[in-house]
Amino acid sequence: MPNPKRRHSKARTGKRRAHDFLTAQSLSECPSCHEKKMPHRACPKCGTYKGREVVAVEKGR
């Protein structure tokens, strides 16, 4: 099994790790209750998607 002959420099390691970070979730606004929700998902607050109720949500929450 091949092993590296020399160690990688800190700059080379940093360049490789430049894309190894987490990105924040993109959130959109629900048109009916104006809460933040994930795009293309039913709203967890009011249960609507594309103007109609698709998930039954308890009102006591």
N, C-alpha and C. Protein backbone atom coordinates (compact mmCIF):
# COMPACT_ATOMS: atom_id res chain seq x y z
N MET A 1 0.85 -1.17 0.00
CA MET A 1 0.00 0.00 0.00
C MET A 1 0.90 1.24 0.00
N PRO A 2 0.67 2.17 -0.91
CA PRO A 2 1.56 3.34 -0.99
C PRO A 2 1.36 4.29 0.19
N ASN A 3 2.45 4.84 0.64
CA ASN A 3 2.44 5.84 1.70
C ASN A 3 3.10 7.10 1.18
N PRO A 4 2.72 8.26 1.71
CA PRO A 4 3.36 9.48 1.25
C PRO A 4 4.83 9.52 1.64
N LYS A 5 5.67 9.96 0.70
CA LYS A 5 7.11 10.01 0.96
C LYS A 5 7.47 11.24 1.79
N ARG A 6 6.77 12.37 1.52
CA ARG A 6 7.05 13.60 2.26
C ARG A 6 5.73 14.16 2.81
N ARG A 7 5.83 14.95 3.83
CA ARG A 7 4.62 15.54 4.41
C ARG A 7 4.14 16.71 3.55
N HIS A 8 2.83 16.94 3.61
CA HIS A 8 2.26 18.06 2.87
C HIS A 8 2.45 19.33 3.69
N SER A 9 2.67 20.44 2.99
CA SER A 9 2.84 21.71 3.68
C SER A 9 1.50 22.19 4.24
N LYS A 10 1.57 23.16 5.15
CA LYS A 10 0.35 23.70 5.76
C LYS A 10 -0.50 24.42 4.72
N ALA A 11 0.16 25.07 3.77
CA ALA A 11 -0.59 25.77 2.71
C ALA A 11 -1.34 24.78 1.83
N ARG A 12 -0.68 23.70 1.48
CA ARG A 12 -1.34 22.71 0.63
C ARG A 12 -2.50 22.04 1.37
N THR A 13 -2.31 21.76 2.65
CA THR A 13 -3.37 21.17 3.45
C THR A 13 -4.54 22.15 3.58
N GLY A 14 -4.22 23.44 3.79
CA GLY A 14 -5.26 24.44 3.90
C GLY A 14 -6.04 24.62 2.61
N LYS A 15 -5.35 24.55 1.47
CA LYS A 15 -6.03 24.66 0.19
C LYS A 15 -6.99 23.49 -0.03
N ARG A 16 -6.59 22.31 0.40
CA ARG A 16 -7.45 21.15 0.25
C ARG A 16 -8.67 21.26 1.17
N ARG A 17 -8.47 21.82 2.36
CA ARG A 17 -9.56 21.91 3.32
C ARG A 17 -10.41 23.17 3.14
N ALA A 18 -10.15 23.95 2.12
CA ALA A 18 -10.87 25.21 1.93
C ALA A 18 -12.36 24.99 1.71
N HIS A 19 -12.75 23.85 1.19
CA HIS A 19 -14.16 23.58 0.90
C HIS A 19 -14.80 22.64 1.91
N ASP A 20 -14.10 22.33 2.98
CA ASP A 20 -14.62 21.40 3.99
C ASP A 20 -15.31 22.16 5.12
N PHE A 21 -16.30 22.95 4.79
CA PHE A 21 -17.01 23.70 5.81
C PHE A 21 -18.50 23.50 5.63
N LEU A 22 -19.24 23.77 6.67
CA LEU A 22 -20.68 23.63 6.63
C LEU A 22 -21.30 24.94 6.17
N THR A 23 -22.37 24.83 5.42
CA THR A 23 -23.09 26.02 4.98
C THR A 23 -24.43 26.08 5.72
N ALA A 24 -24.89 27.26 5.97
CA ALA A 24 -26.17 27.44 6.65
C ALA A 24 -27.31 27.04 5.72
N GLN A 25 -28.38 26.53 6.31
CA GLN A 25 -29.53 26.14 5.51
C GLN A 25 -30.18 27.38 4.91
N SER A 26 -30.62 27.25 3.68
CA SER A 26 -31.35 28.36 3.08
C SER A 26 -32.80 28.26 3.54
N LEU A 27 -33.32 29.37 4.02
CA LEU A 27 -34.68 29.40 4.53
C LEU A 27 -35.51 30.38 3.71
N SER A 28 -36.75 30.04 3.51
CA SER A 28 -37.67 30.94 2.83
C SER A 28 -38.82 31.25 3.79
N GLU A 29 -39.64 32.20 3.41
CA GLU A 29 -40.74 32.63 4.27
C GLU A 29 -42.03 31.98 3.82
N CYS A 30 -42.77 31.48 4.76
CA CYS A 30 -44.08 30.89 4.46
C CYS A 30 -45.03 32.02 4.06
N PRO A 31 -45.72 31.89 2.92
CA PRO A 31 -46.61 32.98 2.49
C PRO A 31 -47.87 33.13 3.35
N SER A 32 -48.26 32.10 4.08
CA SER A 32 -49.49 32.21 4.86
C SER A 32 -49.24 32.67 6.29
N CYS A 33 -48.19 32.18 6.96
CA CYS A 33 -47.97 32.58 8.35
C CYS A 33 -46.69 33.39 8.54
N HIS A 34 -45.88 33.55 7.48
CA HIS A 34 -44.66 34.35 7.48
C HIS A 34 -43.59 33.84 8.44
N GLU A 35 -43.59 32.55 8.71
CA GLU A 35 -42.53 31.92 9.50
C GLU A 35 -41.44 31.44 8.55
N LYS A 36 -40.25 31.26 9.06
CA LYS A 36 -39.15 30.72 8.26
C LYS A 36 -39.35 29.21 8.10
N LYS A 37 -39.14 28.72 6.86
CA LYS A 37 -39.27 27.29 6.59
C LYS A 37 -38.27 26.92 5.51
N MET A 38 -38.00 25.63 5.39
CA MET A 38 -37.11 25.17 4.34
C MET A 38 -37.86 25.21 3.00
N PRO A 39 -37.19 25.57 1.90
CA PRO A 39 -37.88 25.65 0.62
C PRO A 39 -38.35 24.27 0.14
N HIS A 40 -39.45 24.26 -0.57
CA HIS A 40 -40.05 23.04 -1.14
C HIS A 40 -40.47 22.05 -0.06
N ARG A 41 -40.82 22.54 1.12
CA ARG A 41 -41.30 21.71 2.21
C ARG A 41 -42.59 22.33 2.76
N ALA A 42 -43.42 21.51 3.38
CA ALA A 42 -44.60 22.04 4.04
C ALA A 42 -44.16 22.82 5.27
N CYS A 43 -44.89 23.87 5.59
CA CYS A 43 -44.55 24.72 6.73
C CYS A 43 -44.82 23.94 8.02
N PRO A 44 -43.86 23.83 8.93
CA PRO A 44 -44.11 23.10 10.17
C PRO A 44 -45.01 23.86 11.13
N LYS A 45 -45.15 25.16 10.95
CA LYS A 45 -45.97 25.98 11.85
C LYS A 45 -47.45 25.89 11.51
N CYS A 46 -47.78 26.08 10.21
CA CYS A 46 -49.20 26.09 9.83
C CYS A 46 -49.60 24.89 8.97
N GLY A 47 -48.63 24.14 8.42
CA GLY A 47 -48.94 22.93 7.67
C GLY A 47 -49.39 23.15 6.24
N THR A 48 -49.11 24.31 5.67
CA THR A 48 -49.53 24.58 4.30
C THR A 48 -48.38 24.41 3.33
N TYR A 49 -48.72 24.09 2.10
CA TYR A 49 -47.75 23.99 1.01
C TYR A 49 -48.46 24.38 -0.26
N LYS A 50 -47.92 25.36 -0.97
CA LYS A 50 -48.50 25.89 -2.21
C LYS A 50 -49.95 26.33 -2.02
N GLY A 51 -50.22 26.99 -0.90
CA GLY A 51 -51.53 27.58 -0.68
C GLY A 51 -52.60 26.67 -0.14
N ARG A 52 -52.31 25.42 0.10
CA ARG A 52 -53.33 24.53 0.66
C ARG A 52 -52.74 23.77 1.85
N GLU A 53 -53.61 23.37 2.77
CA GLU A 53 -53.16 22.67 3.97
C GLU A 53 -52.91 21.20 3.62
N VAL A 54 -51.69 20.75 3.86
CA VAL A 54 -51.36 19.36 3.53
C VAL A 54 -51.00 18.55 4.77
N VAL A 55 -50.70 19.23 5.88
CA VAL A 55 -50.36 18.56 7.13
C VAL A 55 -51.25 19.12 8.23
N ALA A 56 -51.89 18.24 9.00
CA ALA A 56 -52.70 18.69 10.12
C ALA A 56 -51.77 19.06 11.27
N VAL A 57 -51.89 20.29 11.75
CA VAL A 57 -51.04 20.80 12.83
C VAL A 57 -51.93 21.18 13.99
N GLU A 58 -51.51 20.79 15.22
CA GLU A 58 -52.26 21.16 16.41
C GLU A 58 -52.15 22.66 16.64
N LYS A 59 -53.25 23.30 16.96
CA LYS A 59 -53.25 24.76 17.15
C LYS A 59 -52.71 25.15 18.52
N GLY A 60 -52.59 24.21 19.45
CA GLY A 60 -52.14 24.52 20.81
C GLY A 60 -50.65 24.74 20.91
N ARG A 61 -49.90 24.47 19.88
CA ARG A 61 -48.44 24.60 19.95
C ARG A 61 -48.04 26.00 19.86
